[in-house]
Protein backbone atom coordinates (compact mmCIF):
# COMPACT_ATOMS: atom_id res chain seq x y z
CA UNK A 1 -5.13 48.55 -29.61
CA UNK A 2 -2.14 49.52 -27.42
CA UNK A 3 0.79 51.31 -29.03
CA UNK A 4 4.16 49.59 -29.48
CA UNK A 5 5.64 51.89 -26.84
CA UNK A 6 2.94 50.93 -24.34
CA UNK A 7 3.36 47.23 -25.12
CA UNK A 8 7.16 47.38 -24.75
CA UNK A 9 6.83 49.31 -21.49
CA UNK A 10 4.54 46.60 -20.12
CA UNK A 11 6.93 43.85 -21.31
CA UNK A 12 9.81 45.74 -19.66
CA UNK A 13 7.92 45.90 -16.36
CA UNK A 14 7.24 42.16 -16.52
CA UNK A 15 10.89 41.38 -17.27
CA UNK A 16 12.07 43.61 -14.41
CA UNK A 17 9.71 41.82 -12.01
CA UNK A 18 11.25 38.46 -12.98
CA UNK A 19 14.78 39.69 -12.07
CA UNK A 20 16.43 37.30 -14.51
CA UNK A 21 20.13 37.47 -15.42
CA UNK A 22 21.33 38.87 -18.73
CA UNK A 23 20.19 36.67 -21.59
CA UNK A 24 23.44 37.29 -23.45
CA UNK A 25 26.21 36.98 -20.83
CA UNK A 26 24.33 35.20 -18.03
CA UNK A 27 25.46 37.67 -15.36
CA UNK A 28 23.24 39.39 -12.79
CA UNK A 29 21.54 42.64 -13.83
CA UNK A 30 21.17 45.52 -11.36
CA UNK A 31 17.62 46.55 -12.18
CA UNK A 32 17.94 49.76 -10.14
CA UNK A 33 20.62 51.36 -12.33
CA UNK A 34 19.60 54.39 -14.41
CA UNK A 35 18.82 53.59 -18.05
CA UNK A 36 21.94 55.42 -19.32
CA UNK A 37 24.29 53.10 -17.37
CA UNK A 38 25.94 50.43 -19.58
CA UNK A 39 25.14 47.73 -17.03
CA UNK A 40 21.48 48.74 -16.76
CA UNK A 41 18.53 46.59 -17.83
CA UNK A 42 17.33 46.75 -21.42
CA UNK A 43 14.86 44.72 -23.42
CA UNK A 44 16.76 42.48 -25.80
CA UNK A 45 14.93 41.14 -28.84
CA UNK A 46 15.91 37.54 -29.59
CA UNK A 47 15.11 38.15 -33.24
CA UNK A 48 16.25 41.74 -33.95
CA UNK A 49 13.63 44.40 -34.61
CA UNK A 50 15.42 45.42 -37.79
CA UNK A 51 15.03 41.98 -39.34
CA UNK A 52 11.78 40.90 -37.63
CA UNK A 53 9.71 44.06 -37.05
CA UNK A 54 6.55 41.99 -36.64
CA UNK A 55 8.02 40.50 -33.43
CA UNK A 56 8.96 43.82 -31.80
CA UNK A 57 6.12 43.72 -29.26
CA UNK A 58 5.92 39.94 -28.92
CA UNK A 59 6.69 39.02 -25.29
CA UNK A 60 8.13 35.67 -26.45
CA UNK A 61 10.77 37.61 -28.42
CA UNK A 62 11.80 39.85 -25.50
CA UNK A 63 14.34 39.00 -22.80
CA UNK A 64 16.40 40.89 -20.20
CA UNK A 65 19.93 42.02 -21.04
CA UNK A 66 22.57 44.53 -19.99
CA UNK A 67 22.61 47.65 -22.13
CA UNK A 68 26.25 46.94 -23.05
CA UNK A 69 25.51 43.35 -24.09
CA UNK A 70 22.50 44.46 -26.11
CA UNK A 71 24.53 47.14 -27.87
CA UNK A 72 27.45 44.77 -28.56
CA UNK A 73 25.16 42.17 -30.12
CA UNK A 74 23.51 44.77 -32.36
CA UNK A 75 21.20 43.20 -34.93
CA UNK A 76 23.21 40.02 -35.44
CA UNK A 77 21.28 36.78 -35.83
CA UNK A 78 20.38 34.76 -32.77
CA UNK A 79 22.89 32.01 -32.06
CA UNK A 80 21.98 29.86 -29.09
CA UNK A 81 24.79 29.14 -26.68
CA UNK A 82 25.25 26.36 -24.21
CA UNK A 83 23.41 28.25 -21.49
CA UNK A 84 24.49 29.52 -18.11
CA UNK A 85 26.87 27.39 -16.09
CA UNK A 86 25.42 26.06 -12.87
CA UNK A 87 28.83 26.40 -11.18
CA UNK A 88 32.54 26.75 -11.82
CA UNK A 89 34.38 23.46 -12.30
């Protein structure tokens, strides 16, 4: 059975390949930034690891986010928004 670290690394590679925008703010992520940059890619857990440890390595619980957005959200509960605007009105 793969370790959690291995599973999360694989999930991270899959998310990077998809090049999706930040799940929290909807803005583009520069996937080439170093991991210590606040605008870099991180794996965001829809249901926080602290409250749902059983979902930590579940790909359905993992999405792409900026490091700063991920940090700002912390372990607060998931609250769905209206989504990303298709254009400015």
